[in-house]
Amino acid sequence: MAQKDIFSAMMFGQPLEKEKEKNKSETKEEREDTSSSDDSIDYMHVMNQIGNIMNSIDELKPVFKDVGPMISAFKKKLS
């Protein structure tokens, strides 16, 4: 019986040995892909992104201050 029937595969799943072998080969391929890529980190780009996030948060603070009382009033009405 070289090929299992569809019902058995659906009800009982595939054998674990094949899945483990597939997972091992996939992780090996992922390791090879990541090791072959450029490992240098552009710290200036990361710092610029962090700066942009902080600026966005600073711009949103007034919005949160305006919306906060509205949400509190809505909660009081529901209670």
PDB file of N, CA and C in Angstrom:
ATOM      1  N   MET A   1       0.855  -1.172   0.000  1.00  0.00           N
ATOM      2  CA  MET A   1       0.000   0.000   0.000  1.00  0.00           C
ATOM      3  C   MET A   1       0.898   1.232   0.000  1.00  0.00           C
ATOM      4  N   ALA A   2       1.287   1.673  -1.181  1.00  0.00           N
ATOM      5  CA  ALA A   2       2.211   2.784  -1.329  1.00  0.00           C
ATOM      6  C   ALA A   2       1.551   4.119  -1.027  1.00  0.00           C
ATOM      7  N   GLN A   3       0.265   4.220  -1.313  1.00  0.00           N
ATOM      8  CA  GLN A   3      -0.434   5.485  -1.107  1.00  0.00           C
ATOM      9  C   GLN A   3      -1.601   5.264  -0.165  1.00  0.00           C
ATOM     10  N   LYS A   4      -1.709   6.099   0.895  1.00  0.00           N
ATOM     11  CA  LYS A   4      -2.814   5.972   1.829  1.00  0.00           C
ATOM     12  C   LYS A   4      -4.053   6.596   1.220  1.00  0.00           C
ATOM     13  N   ASP A   5      -5.198   6.111   1.666  1.00  0.00           N
ATOM     14  CA  ASP A   5      -6.423   6.705   1.155  1.00  0.00           C
ATOM     15  C   ASP A   5      -6.639   8.082   1.778  1.00  0.00           C
ATOM     16  N   ILE A   6      -7.434   8.884   1.131  1.00  0.00           N
ATOM     17  CA  ILE A   6      -7.654  10.269   1.546  1.00  0.00           C
ATOM     18  C   ILE A   6      -8.311  10.341   2.917  1.00  0.00           C
ATOM     19  N   PHE A   7      -9.251   9.438   3.202  1.00  0.00           N
ATOM     20  CA  PHE A   7      -9.956   9.459   4.474  1.00  0.00           C
ATOM     21  C   PHE A   7      -8.991   9.261   5.646  1.00  0.00           C
ATOM     22  N   SER A   8      -8.112   8.299   5.533  1.00  0.00           N
ATOM     23  CA  SER A   8      -7.151   8.045   6.615  1.00  0.00           C
ATOM     24  C   SER A   8      -6.230   9.248   6.822  1.00  0.00           C
ATOM     25  N   ALA A   9      -5.801   9.849   5.731  1.00  0.00           N
ATOM     26  CA  ALA A   9      -4.929  11.007   5.849  1.00  0.00           C
ATOM     27  C   ALA A   9      -5.670  12.172   6.501  1.00  0.00           C
ATOM     28  N   MET A  10      -6.947  12.343   6.158  1.00  0.00           N
ATOM     29  CA  MET A  10      -7.722  13.435   6.725  1.00  0.00           C
ATOM     30  C   MET A  10      -8.011  13.198   8.208  1.00  0.00           C
ATOM     31  N   MET A  11      -8.356  11.973   8.570  1.00  0.00           N
ATOM     32  CA  MET A  11      -8.741  11.676   9.950  1.00  0.00           C
ATOM     33  C   MET A  11      -7.535  11.561  10.885  1.00  0.00           C
ATOM     34  N   PHE A  12      -6.479  10.969  10.419  1.00  0.00           N
ATOM     35  CA  PHE A  12      -5.342  10.665  11.295  1.00  0.00           C
ATOM     36  C   PHE A  12      -4.102  11.493  10.996  1.00  0.00           C
ATOM     37  N   GLY A  13      -4.116  12.258   9.926  1.00  0.00           N
ATOM     38  CA  GLY A  13      -2.982  13.107   9.582  1.00  0.00           C
ATOM     39  C   GLY A  13      -1.849  12.323   8.953  1.00  0.00           C
ATOM     40  N   GLN A  14      -0.833  13.045   8.601  1.00  0.00           N
ATOM     41  CA  GLN A  14       0.335  12.438   7.986  1.00  0.00           C
ATOM     42  C   GLN A  14       1.251  11.891   9.074  1.00  0.00           C
ATOM     43  N   PRO A  15       2.062  10.926   8.749  1.00  0.00           N
ATOM     44  CA  PRO A  15       3.007  10.405   9.738  1.00  0.00           C
ATOM     45  C   PRO A  15       3.950  11.501  10.219  1.00  0.00           C
ATOM     46  N   LEU A  16       4.258  11.468  11.499  1.00  0.00           N
ATOM     47  CA  LEU A  16       5.085  12.503  12.096  1.00  0.00           C
ATOM     48  C   LEU A  16       6.506  12.500  11.552  1.00  0.00           C
ATOM     49  N   GLU A  17       7.016  11.361  11.157  1.00  0.00           N
ATOM     50  CA  GLU A  17       8.390  11.285  10.681  1.00  0.00           C
ATOM     51  C   GLU A  17       8.582  12.147   9.445  1.00  0.00           C
ATOM     52  N   LYS A  18       7.638  12.105   8.535  1.00  0.00           N
ATOM     53  CA  LYS A  18       7.762  12.902   7.322  1.00  0.00           C
ATOM     54  C   LYS A  18       7.685  14.387   7.642  1.00  0.00           C
ATOM     55  N   GLU A  19       6.811  14.764   8.578  1.00  0.00           N
ATOM     56  CA  GLU A  19       6.681  16.167   8.946  1.00  0.00           C
ATOM     57  C   GLU A  19       7.960  16.670   9.602  1.00  0.00           C
ATOM     58  N   LYS A  20       8.569  15.844  10.452  1.00  0.00           N
ATOM     59  CA  LYS A  20       9.800  16.246  11.115  1.00  0.00           C
ATOM     60  C   LYS A  20      10.912  16.441  10.098  1.00  0.00           C
ATOM     61  N   GLU A  21      10.983  15.545   9.116  1.00  0.00           N
ATOM     62  CA  GLU A  21      12.002  15.673   8.085  1.00  0.00           C
ATOM     63  C   GLU A  21      11.774  16.938   7.256  1.00  0.00           C
ATOM     64  N   LYS A  22      10.510  17.230   6.954  1.00  0.00           N
ATOM     65  CA  LYS A  22      10.200  18.439   6.185  1.00  0.00           C
ATOM     66  C   LYS A  22      10.576  19.676   6.977  1.00  0.00           C
ATOM     67  N   ASN A  23      10.252  19.685   8.275  1.00  0.00           N
ATOM     68  CA  ASN A  23      10.569  20.839   9.113  1.00  0.00           C
ATOM     69  C   ASN A  23      12.075  21.052   9.221  1.00  0.00           C
ATOM     70  N   LYS A  24      12.825  19.957   9.350  1.00  0.00           N
ATOM     71  CA  LYS A  24      14.273  20.072   9.435  1.00  0.00           C
ATOM     72  C   LYS A  24      14.849  20.645   8.151  1.00  0.00           C
ATOM     73  N   SER A  25      14.362  20.155   7.007  1.00  0.00           N
ATOM     74  CA  SER A  25      14.885  20.654   5.738  1.00  0.00           C
ATOM     75  C   SER A  25      14.494  22.113   5.525  1.00  0.00           C
ATOM     76  N   GLU A  26      13.280  22.511   5.967  1.00  0.00           N
ATOM     77  CA  GLU A  26      12.858  23.903   5.827  1.00  0.00           C
ATOM     78  C   GLU A  26      13.706  24.823   6.699  1.00  0.00           C
ATOM     79  N   THR A  27      13.994  24.393   7.930  1.00  0.00           N
ATOM     80  CA  THR A  27      14.804  25.246   8.808  1.00  0.00           C
ATOM     81  C   THR A  27      16.231  25.362   8.279  1.00  0.00           C
ATOM     82  N   LYS A  28      16.748  24.295   7.693  1.00  0.00           N
ATOM     83  CA  LYS A  28      18.086  24.370   7.104  1.00  0.00           C
ATOM     84  C   LYS A  28      18.102  25.363   5.954  1.00  0.00           C
ATOM     85  N   GLU A  29      17.062  25.327   5.106  1.00  0.00           N
ATOM     86  CA  GLU A  29      16.986  26.254   3.984  1.00  0.00           C
ATOM     87  C   GLU A  29      16.879  27.689   4.481  1.00  0.00           C
ATOM     88  N   GLU A  30      16.083  27.925   5.546  1.00  0.00           N
ATOM     89  CA  GLU A  30      15.931  29.265   6.084  1.00  0.00           C
ATOM     90  C   GLU A  30      17.254  29.766   6.642  1.00  0.00           C
ATOM     91  N   ARG A  31      17.992  28.905   7.313  1.00  0.00           N
ATOM     92  CA  ARG A  31      19.289  29.300   7.862  1.00  0.00           C
ATOM     93  C   ARG A  31      20.245  29.683   6.743  1.00  0.00           C
ATOM     94  N   GLU A  32      20.230  28.895   5.671  1.00  0.00           N
ATOM     95  CA  GLU A  32      21.108  29.194   4.550  1.00  0.00           C
ATOM     96  C   GLU A  32      20.731  30.522   3.919  1.00  0.00           C
ATOM     97  N   ASP A  33      19.414  30.793   3.811  1.00  0.00           N
ATOM     98  CA  ASP A  33      18.962  32.048   3.219  1.00  0.00           C
ATOM     99  C   ASP A  33      19.379  33.240   4.067  1.00  0.00           C
ATOM    100  N   THR A  34      19.223  33.127   5.373  1.00  0.00           N
ATOM    101  CA  THR A  34      19.558  34.258   6.235  1.00  0.00           C
ATOM    102  C   THR A  34      21.062  34.450   6.340  1.00  0.00           C
ATOM    103  N   SER A  35      21.822  33.377   6.308  1.00  0.00           N
ATOM    104  CA  SER A  35      23.265  33.526   6.421  1.00  0.00           C
ATOM    105  C   SER A  35      23.860  34.090   5.141  1.00  0.00           C
ATOM    106  N   SER A  36      23.213  33.838   4.003  1.00  0.00           N
ATOM    107  CA  SER A  36      23.748  34.342   2.756  1.00  0.00           C
ATOM    108  C   SER A  36      23.381  35.805   2.532  1.00  0.00           C
ATOM    109  N   SER A  37      22.364  36.311   3.241  1.00  0.00           N
ATOM    110  CA  SER A  37      21.971  37.705   3.066  1.00  0.00           C
ATOM    111  C   SER A  37      22.946  38.610   3.811  1.00  0.00           C
ATOM    112  N   ASP A  38      22.887  39.891   3.474  1.00  0.00           N
ATOM    113  CA  ASP A  38      23.767  40.872   4.104  1.00  0.00           C
ATOM    114  C   ASP A  38      23.362  41.052   5.558  1.00  0.00           C
ATOM    115  N   ASP A  39      24.269  40.787   6.489  1.00  0.00           N
ATOM    116  CA  ASP A  39      23.961  40.821   7.913  1.00  0.00           C
ATOM    117  C   ASP A  39      24.165  42.197   8.542  1.00  0.00           C
ATOM    118  N   SER A  40      24.607  43.168   7.768  1.00  0.00           N
ATOM    119  CA  SER A  40      24.839  44.480   8.353  1.00  0.00           C
ATOM    120  C   SER A  40      23.512  45.195   8.572  1.00  0.00           C
ATOM    121  N   ILE A  41      23.437  45.924   9.675  1.00  0.00           N
ATOM    122  CA  ILE A  41      22.230  46.645  10.041  1.00  0.00           C
ATOM    123  C   ILE A  41      22.479  48.128   9.808  1.00  0.00           C
ATOM    124  N   ASP A  42      21.544  48.784   9.138  1.00  0.00           N
ATOM    125  CA  ASP A  42      21.654  50.213   8.898  1.00  0.00           C
ATOM    126  C   ASP A  42      21.062  50.935  10.097  1.00  0.00           C
ATOM    127  N   TYR A  43      21.926  51.282  11.047  1.00  0.00           N
ATOM    128  CA  TYR A  43      21.479  51.890  12.292  1.00  0.00           C
ATOM    129  C   TYR A  43      20.887  53.278  12.070  1.00  0.00           C
ATOM    130  N   MET A  44      21.376  53.996  11.086  1.00  0.00           N
ATOM    131  CA  MET A  44      20.818  55.316  10.805  1.00  0.00           C
ATOM    132  C   MET A  44      19.370  55.198  10.350  1.00  0.00           C
ATOM    133  N   HIS A  45      19.091  54.208   9.531  1.00  0.00           N
ATOM    134  CA  HIS A  45      17.723  53.996   9.072  1.00  0.00           C
ATOM    135  C   HIS A  45      16.814  53.627  10.240  1.00  0.00           C
ATOM    136  N   VAL A  46      17.293  52.768  11.121  1.00  0.00           N
ATOM    137  CA  VAL A  46      16.515  52.362  12.292  1.00  0.00           C
ATOM    138  C   VAL A  46      16.251  53.563  13.193  1.00  0.00           C
ATOM    139  N   MET A  47      17.271  54.384  13.421  1.00  0.00           N
ATOM    140  CA  MET A  47      17.100  55.549  14.281  1.00  0.00           C
ATOM    141  C   MET A  47      16.137  56.566  13.662  1.00  0.00           C
ATOM    142  N   ASN A  48      16.192  56.719  12.336  1.00  0.00           N
ATOM    143  CA  ASN A  48      15.246  57.614  11.662  1.00  0.00           C
ATOM    144  C   ASN A  48      13.817  57.107  11.815  1.00  0.00           C
ATOM    145  N   GLN A  49      13.630  55.808  11.704  1.00  0.00           N
ATOM    146  CA  GLN A  49      12.294  55.242  11.879  1.00  0.00           C
ATOM    147  C   GLN A  49      11.788  55.453  13.303  1.00  0.00           C
ATOM    148  N   ILE A  50      12.648  55.265  14.281  1.00  0.00           N
ATOM    149  CA  ILE A  50      12.262  55.491  15.683  1.00  0.00           C
ATOM    150  C   ILE A  50      11.903  56.963  15.889  1.00  0.00           C
ATOM    151  N   GLY A  51      12.678  57.847  15.299  1.00  0.00           N
ATOM    152  CA  GLY A  51      12.379  59.280  15.394  1.00  0.00           C
ATOM    153  C   GLY A  51      11.034  59.614  14.771  1.00  0.00           C
ATOM    154  N   ASN A  52      10.727  59.001  13.623  1.00  0.00           N
ATOM    155  CA  ASN A  52       9.439  59.231  12.977  1.00  0.00           C
ATOM    156  C   ASN A  52       8.289  58.732  13.843  1.00  0.00           C
ATOM    157  N   ILE A  53       8.480  57.603  14.480  1.00  0.00           N
ATOM    158  CA  ILE A  53       7.439  57.051  15.365  1.00  0.00           C
ATOM    159  C   ILE A  53       7.216  57.981  16.547  1.00  0.00           C
ATOM    160  N   MET A  54       8.293  58.465  17.134  1.00  0.00           N
ATOM    161  CA  MET A  54       8.158  59.368  18.282  1.00  0.00           C
ATOM    162  C   MET A  54       7.463  60.669  17.878  1.00  0.00           C
ATOM    163  N   ASN A  55       7.790  61.201  16.700  1.00  0.00           N
ATOM    164  CA  ASN A  55       7.125  62.415  16.219  1.00  0.00           C
ATOM    165  C   ASN A  55       5.638  62.173  15.998  1.00  0.00           C
ATOM    166  N   SER A  56       5.291  61.022  15.462  1.00  0.00           N
ATOM    167  CA  SER A  56       3.878  60.700  15.242  1.00  0.00           C
ATOM    168  C   SER A  56       3.135  60.603  16.567  1.00  0.00           C
ATOM    169  N   ILE A  57       3.772  60.009  17.560  1.00  0.00           N
ATOM    170  CA  ILE A  57       3.136  59.899  18.879  1.00  0.00           C
ATOM    171  C   ILE A  57       2.924  61.282  19.479  1.00  0.00           C
ATOM    172  N   ASP A  58       3.919  62.159  19.324  1.00  0.00           N
ATOM    173  CA  ASP A  58       3.785  63.526  19.842  1.00  0.00           C
ATOM    174  C   ASP A  58       2.634  64.259  19.159  1.00  0.00           C
ATOM    175  N   GLU A  59       2.445  64.019  17.860  1.00  0.00           N
ATOM    176  CA  GLU A  59       1.357  64.665  17.134  1.00  0.00           C
ATOM    177  C   GLU A  59      -0.003  64.110  17.549  1.00  0.00           C
ATOM    178  N   LEU A  60      -0.049  62.864  17.982  1.00  0.00           N
ATOM    179  CA  LEU A  60      -1.315  62.235  18.351  1.00  0.00           C
ATOM    180  C   LEU A  60      -1.727  62.498  19.802  1.00  0.00           C
ATOM    181  N   LYS A  61      -0.838  62.984  20.626  1.00  0.00           N
ATOM    182  CA  LYS A  61      -1.172  63.232  22.033  1.00  0.00           C
ATOM    183  C   LYS A  61      -2.377  64.150  22.200  1.00  0.00           C
ATOM    184  N   PRO A  62      -2.475  65.266  21.472  1.00  0.00           N
ATOM    185  CA  PRO A  62      -3.665  66.104  21.626  1.00  0.00           C
ATOM    186  C   PRO A  62      -4.957  65.384  21.236  1.00  0.00           C
ATOM    187  N   VAL A  63      -4.874  64.516  20.257  1.00  0.00           N
ATOM    188  CA  VAL A  63      -6.060  63.768  19.843  1.00  0.00           C
ATOM    189  C   VAL A  63      -6.525  62.865  20.982  1.00  0.00           C
ATOM    190  N   PHE A  64      -5.590  62.206  21.638  1.00  0.00           N
ATOM    191  CA  PHE A  64      -5.954  61.334  22.748  1.00  0.00           C
ATOM    192  C   PHE A  64      -6.560  62.141  23.903  1.00  0.00           C
ATOM    193  N   LYS A  65      -6.029  63.341  24.118  1.00  0.00           N
ATOM    194  CA  LYS A  65      -6.568  64.182  25.181  1.00  0.00           C
ATOM    195  C   LYS A  65      -8.000  64.602  24.872  1.00  0.00           C
ATOM    196  N   ASP A  66      -8.310  64.851  23.596  1.00  0.00           N
ATOM    197  CA  ASP A  66      -9.666  65.249  23.205  1.00  0.00           C
ATOM    198  C   ASP A  66     -10.632  64.074  23.222  1.00  0.00           C
ATOM    199  N   VAL A  67     -10.164  62.921  22.839  1.00  0.00           N
ATOM    200  CA  VAL A  67     -11.033  61.747  22.734  1.00  0.00           C
ATOM    201  C   VAL A  67     -11.259  61.102  24.095  1.00  0.00           C
ATOM    202  N   GLY A  68     -10.330  61.237  25.006  1.00  0.00           N
ATOM    203  CA  GLY A  68     -10.440  60.615  26.326  1.00  0.00           C
ATOM    204  C   GLY A  68     -11.716  60.957  27.067  1.00  0.00           C
ATOM    205  N   PRO A  69     -12.063  62.224  27.209  1.00  0.00           N
ATOM    206  CA  PRO A  69     -13.308  62.569  27.913  1.00  0.00           C
ATOM    207  C   PRO A  69     -14.556  62.029  27.205  1.00  0.00           C
ATOM    208  N   MET A  70     -14.525  61.992  25.876  1.00  0.00           N
ATOM    209  CA  MET A  70     -15.676  61.450  25.139  1.00  0.00           C
ATOM    210  C   MET A  70     -15.872  59.973  25.441  1.00  0.00           C
ATOM    211  N   ILE A  71     -14.771  59.242  25.496  1.00  0.00           N
ATOM    212  CA  ILE A  71     -14.856  57.809  25.792  1.00  0.00           C
ATOM    213  C   ILE A  71     -15.336  57.605  27.227  1.00  0.00           C
ATOM    214  N   SER A  72     -14.851  58.426  28.148  1.00  0.00           N
ATOM    215  CA  SER A  72     -15.298  58.315  29.548  1.00  0.00           C
ATOM    216  C   SER A  72     -16.791  58.588  29.657  1.00  0.00           C
ATOM    217  N   ALA A  73     -17.277  59.609  28.960  1.00  0.00           N
ATOM    218  CA  ALA A  73     -18.706  59.925  28.984  1.00  0.00           C
ATOM    219  C   ALA A  73     -19.519  58.778  28.385  1.00  0.00           C
ATOM    220  N   PHE A  74     -19.038  58.192  27.332  1.00  0.00           N
ATOM    221  CA  PHE A  74     -19.722  57.071  26.702  1.00  0.00           C
ATOM    222  C   PHE A  74     -19.788  55.873  27.647  1.00  0.00           C
ATOM    223  N   LYS A  75     -18.689  55.614  28.357  1.00  0.00           N
ATOM    224  CA  LYS A  75     -18.668  54.518  29.323  1.00  0.00           C
ATOM    225  C   LYS A  75     -19.682  54.754  30.450  1.00  0.00           C
ATOM    226  N   LYS A  76     -19.785  56.011  30.917  1.00  0.00           N
ATOM    227  CA  LYS A  76     -20.731  56.341  31.992  1.00  0.00           C
ATOM    228  C   LYS A  76     -22.168  56.129  31.533  1.00  0.00           C
ATOM    229  N   LYS A  77     -22.460  56.457  30.286  1.00  0.00           N
ATOM    230  CA  LYS A  77     -23.813  56.272  29.761  1.00  0.00           C
ATOM    231  C   LYS A  77     -24.160  54.793  29.656  1.00  0.00           C
ATOM    232  N   LEU A  78     -23.189  53.972  29.323  1.00  0.00           N
ATOM    233  CA  LEU A  78     -23.449  52.528  29.208  1.00  0.00           C
ATOM    234  C   LEU A  78     -23.617  51.879  30.559  1.00  0.00           C
ATOM    235  N   SER A  79     -23.011  52.432  31.592  1.00  0.00           N
ATOM    236  CA  SER A  79     -23.085  51.818  32.925  1.00  0.00           C
ATOM    237  C   SER A  79     -24.370  52.110  33.621  1.00  0.00           C
TER     238      SER A  79
END
